[in-house]
């Protein structure tokens, strides 16, 4: 009986599928967009000397 339960648990673990689901990919994409937007904002022309 114990052996049958172990086999059943092993079969349940084999059906893992993808590492991320659809919502996780959306959040990952949003995070990348925010990071890229930050880099674009840091590239900006800067300020004039009279303000420093």
PDB file of N, CA and C in Angstrom:
ATOM      1  N   UNK A   1       0.815  -1.192   0.000  1.00  0.00           N
ATOM      2  CA  UNK A   1       0.000   0.000   0.000  1.00  0.00           C
ATOM      3  C   UNK A   1       0.866   1.267   0.000  1.00  0.00           C
ATOM      4  N   UNK A   2       1.936   1.265   0.772  1.00  0.00           N
ATOM      5  CA  UNK A   2       2.827   2.418   0.830  1.00  0.00           C
ATOM      6  C   UNK A   2       3.479   2.640  -0.527  1.00  0.00           C
ATOM      7  N   UNK A   3       3.846   1.552  -1.176  1.00  0.00           N
ATOM      8  CA  UNK A   3       4.488   1.658  -2.480  1.00  0.00           C
ATOM      9  C   UNK A   3       3.526   2.276  -3.499  1.00  0.00           C
ATOM     10  N   UNK A   4       2.260   1.946  -3.428  1.00  0.00           N
ATOM     11  CA  UNK A   4       1.273   2.489  -4.354  1.00  0.00           C
ATOM     12  C   UNK A   4       1.107   3.999  -4.141  1.00  0.00           C
ATOM     13  N   UNK A   5       1.105   4.446  -2.893  1.00  0.00           N
ATOM     14  CA  UNK A   5       0.976   5.874  -2.598  1.00  0.00           C
ATOM     15  C   UNK A   5       2.193   6.656  -3.083  1.00  0.00           C
ATOM     16  N   UNK A   6       3.394   6.092  -2.950  1.00  0.00           N
ATOM     17  CA  UNK A   6       4.602   6.763  -3.423  1.00  0.00           C
ATOM     18  C   UNK A   6       4.562   6.933  -4.933  1.00  0.00           C
ATOM     19  N   UNK A   7       4.093   5.907  -5.628  1.00  0.00           N
ATOM     20  CA  UNK A   7       4.008   5.978  -7.081  1.00  0.00           C
ATOM     21  C   UNK A   7       3.008   7.054  -7.500  1.00  0.00           C
ATOM     22  N   UNK A   8       1.905   7.155  -6.790  1.00  0.00           N
ATOM     23  CA  UNK A   8       0.897   8.159  -7.099  1.00  0.00           C
ATOM     24  C   UNK A   8       1.458   9.566  -6.888  1.00  0.00           C
ATOM     25  N   UNK A   9       2.228   9.788  -5.827  1.00  0.00           N
ATOM     26  CA  UNK A   9       2.824  11.095  -5.563  1.00  0.00           C
ATOM     27  C   UNK A   9       3.834  11.464  -6.641  1.00  0.00           C
ATOM     28  N   UNK A  10       4.596  10.503  -7.110  1.00  0.00           N
ATOM     29  CA  UNK A  10       5.577  10.750  -8.167  1.00  0.00           C
ATOM     30  C   UNK A  10       4.868  11.166  -9.450  1.00  0.00           C
ATOM     31  N   UNK A  11       3.765  10.512  -9.789  1.00  0.00           N
ATOM     32  CA  UNK A  11       3.024  10.852 -10.997  1.00  0.00           C
ATOM     33  C   UNK A  11       2.421  12.247 -10.899  1.00  0.00           C
ATOM     34  N   UNK A  12       1.981  12.663  -9.712  1.00  0.00           N
ATOM     35  CA  UNK A  12       1.428  14.001  -9.538  1.00  0.00           C
ATOM     36  C   UNK A  12       2.503  15.064  -9.734  1.00  0.00           C
ATOM     37  N   UNK A  13       3.724  14.804  -9.298  1.00  0.00           N
ATOM     38  CA  UNK A  13       4.810  15.766  -9.411  1.00  0.00           C
ATOM     39  C   UNK A  13       5.317  15.915 -10.838  1.00  0.00           C
ATOM     40  N   UNK A  14       5.114  14.934 -11.679  1.00  0.00           N
ATOM     41  CA  UNK A  14       5.612  14.992 -13.053  1.00  0.00           C
ATOM     42  C   UNK A  14       4.857  16.013 -13.895  1.00  0.00           C
ATOM     43  N   UNK A  15       3.632  16.341 -13.540  1.00  0.00           N
ATOM     44  CA  UNK A  15       2.818  17.268 -14.320  1.00  0.00           C
ATOM     45  C   UNK A  15       3.016  18.693 -13.814  1.00  0.00           C
ATOM     46  N   UNK A  16       4.231  19.224 -13.975  1.00  0.00           N
ATOM     47  CA  UNK A  16       4.532  20.563 -13.493  1.00  0.00           C
ATOM     48  C   UNK A  16       4.217  21.634 -14.532  1.00  0.00           C
ATOM     49  N   UNK A  17       4.359  21.353 -15.800  1.00  0.00           N
ATOM     50  CA  UNK A  17       4.065  22.324 -16.844  1.00  0.00           C
ATOM     51  C   UNK A  17       5.114  23.419 -16.917  1.00  0.00           C
ATOM     52  N   UNK A  18       4.664  24.629 -17.238  1.00  0.00           N
ATOM     53  CA  UNK A  18       5.563  25.766 -17.394  1.00  0.00           C
ATOM     54  C   UNK A  18       5.983  26.318 -16.035  1.00  0.00           C
ATOM     55  N   UNK A  19       7.116  27.001 -16.026  1.00  0.00           N
ATOM     56  CA  UNK A  19       7.608  27.595 -14.782  1.00  0.00           C
ATOM     57  C   UNK A  19       6.763  28.798 -14.383  1.00  0.00           C
ATOM     58  N   UNK A  20       6.313  29.592 -15.353  1.00  0.00           N
ATOM     59  CA  UNK A  20       5.493  30.772 -15.085  1.00  0.00           C
ATOM     60  C   UNK A  20       4.132  30.603 -15.736  1.00  0.00           C
ATOM     61  N   UNK A  21       3.129  31.239 -15.152  1.00  0.00           N
ATOM     62  CA  UNK A  21       1.829  31.260 -15.812  1.00  0.00           C
ATOM     63  C   UNK A  21       1.666  32.605 -16.523  1.00  0.00           C
ATOM     64  N   UNK A  22       0.499  32.833 -17.092  1.00  0.00           N
ATOM     65  CA  UNK A  22       0.275  34.015 -17.923  1.00  0.00           C
ATOM     66  C   UNK A  22       0.452  35.316 -17.132  1.00  0.00           C
ATOM     67  N   UNK A  23      -0.030  35.346 -15.901  1.00  0.00           N
ATOM     68  CA  UNK A  23       0.070  36.562 -15.085  1.00  0.00           C
ATOM     69  C   UNK A  23       1.525  36.894 -14.757  1.00  0.00           C
ATOM     70  N   UNK A  24       2.330  35.880 -14.503  1.00  0.00           N
ATOM     71  CA  UNK A  24       3.741  36.117 -14.191  1.00  0.00           C
ATOM     72  C   UNK A  24       4.474  36.711 -15.387  1.00  0.00           C
ATOM     73  N   UNK A  25       4.154  36.254 -16.601  1.00  0.00           N
ATOM     74  CA  UNK A  25       4.787  36.815 -17.792  1.00  0.00           C
ATOM     75  C   UNK A  25       4.378  38.276 -17.988  1.00  0.00           C
ATOM     76  N   UNK A  26       3.120  38.611 -17.682  1.00  0.00           N
ATOM     77  CA  UNK A  26       2.684  40.007 -17.779  1.00  0.00           C
ATOM     78  C   UNK A  26       3.478  40.880 -16.810  1.00  0.00           C
ATOM     79  N   UNK A  27       3.612  40.430 -15.572  1.00  0.00           N
ATOM     80  CA  UNK A  27       4.357  41.202 -14.576  1.00  0.00           C
ATOM     81  C   UNK A  27       5.827  41.328 -14.956  1.00  0.00           C
ATOM     82  N   UNK A  28       6.395  40.276 -15.513  1.00  0.00           N
ATOM     83  CA  UNK A  28       7.785  40.317 -15.967  1.00  0.00           C
ATOM     84  C   UNK A  28       7.953  41.345 -17.086  1.00  0.00           C
ATOM     85  N   UNK A  29       7.015  41.357 -18.023  1.00  0.00           N
ATOM     86  CA  UNK A  29       7.056  42.328 -19.118  1.00  0.00           C
ATOM     87  C   UNK A  29       6.912  43.757 -18.625  1.00  0.00           C
ATOM     88  N   UNK A  30       6.001  43.978 -17.680  1.00  0.00           N
ATOM     89  CA  UNK A  30       5.816  45.314 -17.115  1.00  0.00           C
ATOM     90  C   UNK A  30       7.094  45.763 -16.410  1.00  0.00           C
ATOM     91  N   UNK A  31       7.730  44.860 -15.710  1.00  0.00           N
ATOM     92  CA  UNK A  31       8.984  45.190 -15.033  1.00  0.00           C
ATOM     93  C   UNK A  31      10.071  45.594 -16.009  1.00  0.00           C
ATOM     94  N   UNK A  32      10.194  44.858 -17.117  1.00  0.00           N
ATOM     95  CA  UNK A  32      11.193  45.204 -18.131  1.00  0.00           C
ATOM     96  C   UNK A  32      10.897  46.567 -18.753  1.00  0.00           C
ATOM     97  N   UNK A  33       9.627  46.861 -18.991  1.00  0.00           N
ATOM     98  CA  UNK A  33       9.258  48.160 -19.567  1.00  0.00           C
ATOM     99  C   UNK A  33       9.643  49.286 -18.617  1.00  0.00           C
ATOM    100  N   UNK A  34       9.399  49.101 -17.324  1.00  0.00           N
ATOM    101  CA  UNK A  34       9.760  50.128 -16.340  1.00  0.00           C
ATOM    102  C   UNK A  34      11.276  50.335 -16.303  1.00  0.00           C
ATOM    103  N   UNK A  35      12.032  49.249 -16.354  1.00  0.00           N
ATOM    104  CA  UNK A  35      13.497  49.360 -16.342  1.00  0.00           C
ATOM    105  C   UNK A  35      13.999  50.085 -17.586  1.00  0.00           C
ATOM    106  N   UNK A  36      13.479  49.728 -18.750  1.00  0.00           N
ATOM    107  CA  UNK A  36      13.895  50.379 -19.999  1.00  0.00           C
ATOM    108  C   UNK A  36      13.506  51.852 -19.982  1.00  0.00           C
ATOM    109  N   UNK A  37      12.316  52.168 -19.465  1.00  0.00           N
ATOM    110  CA  UNK A  37      11.898  53.564 -19.353  1.00  0.00           C
ATOM    111  C   UNK A  37      12.849  54.338 -18.440  1.00  0.00           C
ATOM    112  N   UNK A  38      13.292  53.727 -17.368  1.00  0.00           N
ATOM    113  CA  UNK A  38      14.256  54.367 -16.478  1.00  0.00           C
ATOM    114  C   UNK A  38      15.569  54.667 -17.175  1.00  0.00           C
ATOM    115  N   UNK A  39      16.055  53.722 -17.976  1.00  0.00           N
ATOM    116  CA  UNK A  39      17.290  53.963 -18.728  1.00  0.00           C
ATOM    117  C   UNK A  39      17.107  55.104 -19.724  1.00  0.00           C
ATOM    118  N   UNK A  40      15.961  55.144 -20.387  1.00  0.00           N
ATOM    119  CA  UNK A  40      15.703  56.219 -21.352  1.00  0.00           C
ATOM    120  C   UNK A  40      15.674  57.568 -20.648  1.00  0.00           C
ATOM    121  N   UNK A  41      15.062  57.622 -19.473  1.00  0.00           N
ATOM    122  CA  UNK A  41      15.008  58.884 -18.734  1.00  0.00           C
ATOM    123  C   UNK A  41      16.389  59.311 -18.251  1.00  0.00           C
ATOM    124  N   UNK A  42      17.258  58.380 -17.936  1.00  0.00           N
ATOM    125  CA  UNK A  42      18.607  58.725 -17.485  1.00  0.00           C
ATOM    126  C   UNK A  42      19.483  59.231 -18.628  1.00  0.00           C
ATOM    127  N   UNK A  43      19.147  58.889 -19.863  1.00  0.00           N
ATOM    128  CA  UNK A  43      19.919  59.333 -21.023  1.00  0.00           C
ATOM    129  C   UNK A  43      19.697  60.822 -21.284  1.00  0.00           C
ATOM    130  N   UNK A  44      18.625  61.377 -20.785  1.00  0.00           N
ATOM    131  CA  UNK A  44      18.211  62.756 -21.051  1.00  0.00           C
ATOM    132  C   UNK A  44      19.340  63.760 -21.132  1.00  0.00           C
ATOM    133  N   UNK A  45      19.087  64.894 -21.763  1.00  0.00           N
ATOM    134  CA  UNK A  45      20.094  65.908 -22.044  1.00  0.00           C
ATOM    135  C   UNK A  45      20.671  66.604 -20.833  1.00  0.00           C
ATOM    136  N   UNK A  46      20.061  66.474 -19.699  1.00  0.00           N
ATOM    137  CA  UNK A  46      20.602  67.133 -18.511  1.00  0.00           C
ATOM    138  C   UNK A  46      20.050  68.538 -18.344  1.00  0.00           C
ATOM    139  N   UNK A  47      20.651  69.298 -17.456  1.00  0.00           N
ATOM    140  CA  UNK A  47      20.206  70.655 -17.164  1.00  0.00           C
ATOM    141  C   UNK A  47      21.293  71.649 -17.566  1.00  0.00           C
ATOM    142  N   UNK A  48      20.894  72.902 -17.634  1.00  0.00           N
ATOM    143  CA  UNK A  48      21.856  73.957 -17.972  1.00  0.00           C
ATOM    144  C   UNK A  48      22.735  74.259 -16.761  1.00  0.00           C
ATOM    145  N   UNK A  49      23.909  74.837 -17.020  1.00  0.00           N
ATOM    146  CA  UNK A  49      24.879  75.100 -15.952  1.00  0.00           C
ATOM    147  C   UNK A  49      24.360  76.092 -14.914  1.00  0.00           C
ATOM    148  N   UNK A  50      23.503  77.010 -15.289  1.00  0.00           N
ATOM    149  CA  UNK A  50      23.082  78.046 -14.356  1.00  0.00           C
ATOM    150  C   UNK A  50      22.256  77.482 -13.195  1.00  0.00           C
ATOM    151  N   UNK A  51      21.766  76.276 -13.331  1.00  0.00           N
ATOM    152  CA  UNK A  51      20.982  75.675 -12.256  1.00  0.00           C
ATOM    153  C   UNK A  51      21.845  74.898 -11.271  1.00  0.00           C
ATOM    154  N   UNK A  52      23.144  74.790 -11.540  1.00  0.00           N
ATOM    155  CA  UNK A  52      24.010  74.022 -10.636  1.00  0.00           C
ATOM    156  C   UNK A  52      25.019  74.896  -9.987  1.00  0.00           C
TER     157      UNK A  52
END
